[in-house]
Amino acid sequence: MRKITELELYLGQVGEFAAIGLEEYQGDWKTQRVVERTLQMLIETCADIANHIVSDNMMRTPTSYADTFRVLAENAVISAELFSVMEKMAKFRNVVVHQYENVDAEIVILVLRKHLGDFSMFKDAIISFLKRQSPLSPQ
């Protein structure tokens, strides 16, 4: 649950930039750094949560960040549609971390404007899965 709290924190922080325009974003390196790093941390937190689920439930070992989300989809923790989005987020994270000079500002703006809700959907799917797993939850 600590990781879920982190996810919510990062989502709230990056959400403050959801209305920023492309030109404003491109013209402000500090905003770029804050947004890109926060998105990176948000995606990594989702992967951490996924890895805990995979490990705790003895699912197959993922081979990459993207594959971690595939394993969740294979085990009906998240939907195929959500997997598709999270796979793209994992690939975006790799660009931010390894090819930061090539981060496409238009993709960042797209994530900010249209895909922050996907992180909430991920969180909801994880919480729903955990409730189904809990011996204390009503069946």
Protein backbone atom coordinates (compact mmCIF):
# COMPACT_ATOMS: atom_id res chain seq x y z
CA MET A 1 0.00 0.00 0.00
CA ARG A 2 3.00 2.28 0.48
CA LYS A 3 3.66 2.04 -3.26
CA ILE A 4 0.02 2.85 -4.02
CA THR A 5 0.41 5.98 -1.87
CA GLU A 6 3.57 6.91 -3.82
CA LEU A 7 1.69 6.41 -7.09
CA GLU A 8 -1.06 8.76 -5.90
CA LEU A 9 1.50 11.36 -4.77
CA TYR A 10 3.37 11.37 -8.10
CA LEU A 11 0.12 11.41 -10.04
CA GLY A 12 -1.03 14.47 -8.11
CA GLN A 13 2.30 16.22 -8.62
CA VAL A 14 2.50 15.63 -12.37
CA GLY A 15 -1.21 16.41 -12.69
CA GLU A 16 -0.39 20.02 -11.83
CA PHE A 17 1.15 20.25 -15.31
CA ALA A 18 -1.74 18.64 -17.21
CA ALA A 19 -2.89 21.90 -18.80
CA ILE A 20 0.52 23.09 -19.99
CA GLY A 21 0.82 23.88 -23.68
CA LEU A 22 3.45 22.45 -25.99
CA GLU A 23 5.27 25.72 -26.59
CA GLU A 24 5.33 26.58 -22.91
CA TYR A 25 6.62 23.10 -22.12
CA GLN A 26 9.31 23.22 -24.80
CA GLY A 27 10.44 26.65 -23.60
CA ASP A 28 10.96 25.73 -19.95
CA TRP A 29 13.71 23.23 -19.21
CA LYS A 30 12.85 23.18 -15.50
CA THR A 31 9.29 22.13 -16.21
CA GLN A 32 10.57 19.52 -18.67
CA ARG A 33 12.87 18.08 -16.02
CA VAL A 34 10.18 18.00 -13.33
CA VAL A 35 7.54 16.47 -15.59
CA GLU A 36 9.80 13.88 -17.22
CA ARG A 37 11.37 12.79 -13.94
CA THR A 38 8.00 12.59 -12.19
CA LEU A 39 6.53 10.56 -15.05
CA GLN A 40 9.56 8.28 -14.83
CA MET A 41 9.03 7.79 -11.08
CA LEU A 42 5.31 7.22 -11.65
CA ILE A 43 5.96 4.51 -14.24
CA GLU A 44 8.67 2.91 -12.11
CA THR A 45 6.31 2.84 -9.15
CA CYS A 46 3.74 1.02 -11.28
CA ALA A 47 6.44 -1.46 -12.31
CA ASP A 48 7.45 -1.92 -8.66
CA ILE A 49 3.85 -2.63 -7.73
CA ALA A 50 3.58 -5.06 -10.63
CA ASN A 51 6.78 -6.83 -9.60
CA HIS A 52 5.47 -7.25 -6.05
CA ILE A 53 2.25 -8.79 -7.38
CA VAL A 54 4.22 -11.08 -9.71
CA SER A 55 6.59 -12.20 -6.98
CA ASP A 56 4.00 -12.61 -4.23
CA ASN A 57 1.79 -14.72 -6.51
CA MET A 58 4.60 -16.78 -8.06
CA MET A 59 3.79 -15.68 -11.60
CA ARG A 60 6.35 -16.10 -14.36
CA THR A 61 9.42 -13.91 -14.09
CA PRO A 62 9.21 -10.84 -16.37
CA THR A 63 12.06 -10.09 -18.74
CA SER A 64 11.62 -6.29 -18.89
CA TYR A 65 9.58 -3.39 -17.54
CA ALA A 66 7.03 -3.86 -20.32
CA ASP A 67 6.91 -7.61 -19.77
CA THR A 68 6.06 -7.03 -16.11
CA PHE A 69 2.75 -5.54 -17.21
CA ARG A 70 2.26 -8.38 -19.72
CA VAL A 71 2.55 -10.88 -16.85
CA LEU A 72 -0.18 -9.00 -14.99
CA ALA A 73 -2.41 -9.17 -18.06
CA GLU A 74 -1.69 -12.88 -18.52
CA ASN A 75 -2.93 -13.43 -14.98
CA ALA A 76 -6.02 -11.20 -15.31
CA VAL A 77 -4.72 -8.60 -12.87
CA ILE A 78 -5.07 -5.89 -15.52
CA SER A 79 -7.00 -5.89 -18.78
CA ALA A 80 -5.41 -6.33 -22.19
CA GLU A 81 -6.25 -2.70 -22.95
CA LEU A 82 -4.56 -1.47 -19.80
CA PHE A 83 -1.57 -3.68 -20.56
CA SER A 84 -1.25 -2.01 -23.96
CA VAL A 85 -1.14 1.43 -22.34
CA MET A 86 1.27 0.38 -19.58
CA GLU A 87 3.56 -1.29 -22.13
CA LYS A 88 3.79 2.05 -23.97
CA MET A 89 4.44 3.83 -20.67
CA ALA A 90 7.29 1.42 -19.93
CA LYS A 91 8.82 2.12 -23.34
CA PHE A 92 8.39 5.87 -22.75
CA ARG A 93 10.17 5.47 -19.40
CA ASN A 94 13.10 3.80 -21.17
CA VAL A 95 13.42 6.77 -23.52
CA VAL A 96 13.36 9.21 -20.58
CA VAL A 97 16.03 7.23 -18.73
CA HIS A 98 18.32 6.12 -21.55
CA GLN A 99 17.75 8.57 -24.39
CA TYR A 100 16.71 11.70 -22.52
CA GLU A 101 18.02 13.92 -25.30
CA ASN A 102 15.39 12.35 -27.59
CA VAL A 103 12.27 12.79 -25.45
CA ASP A 104 9.46 13.94 -27.73
CA ALA A 105 7.70 16.90 -26.11
CA GLU A 106 4.50 16.12 -28.01
CA ILE A 107 4.38 12.65 -26.42
CA VAL A 108 4.89 14.16 -22.98
CA ILE A 109 2.02 16.58 -23.56
CA LEU A 110 -0.15 13.71 -24.84
CA VAL A 111 0.55 11.72 -21.67
CA LEU A 112 -0.23 14.74 -19.51
CA ARG A 113 -3.48 15.55 -21.31
CA LYS A 114 -4.91 12.13 -22.10
CA HIS A 115 -3.20 9.37 -20.16
CA LEU A 116 -2.83 10.35 -16.53
CA GLY A 117 -6.15 8.60 -15.89
CA ASP A 118 -4.54 5.36 -17.05
CA PHE A 119 -2.41 5.41 -13.91
CA SER A 120 -5.56 5.66 -11.81
CA MET A 121 -7.03 2.74 -13.74
CA PHE A 122 -3.87 0.76 -13.01
CA LYS A 123 -4.13 1.60 -9.32
CA ASP A 124 -7.81 0.59 -9.25
CA ALA A 125 -7.03 -2.72 -10.99
CA ILE A 126 -4.31 -3.49 -8.46
CA ILE A 127 -6.52 -2.64 -5.49
CA SER A 128 -9.31 -4.77 -6.94
CA PHE A 129 -6.90 -7.69 -7.39
CA LEU A 130 -5.59 -7.31 -3.83
CA LYS A 131 -9.12 -7.31 -2.46
CA ARG A 132 -9.87 -10.53 -4.34
CA GLN A 133 -6.71 -12.07 -2.89
CA SER A 134 -7.39 -11.03 0.68
CA PRO A 135 -8.83 -13.76 2.91
CA LEU A 136 -10.71 -11.02 4.77
CA SER A 137 -12.53 -9.67 1.73
CA PRO A 138 -16.10 -10.83 1.10
CA GLN A 139 -16.33 -13.25 -1.82
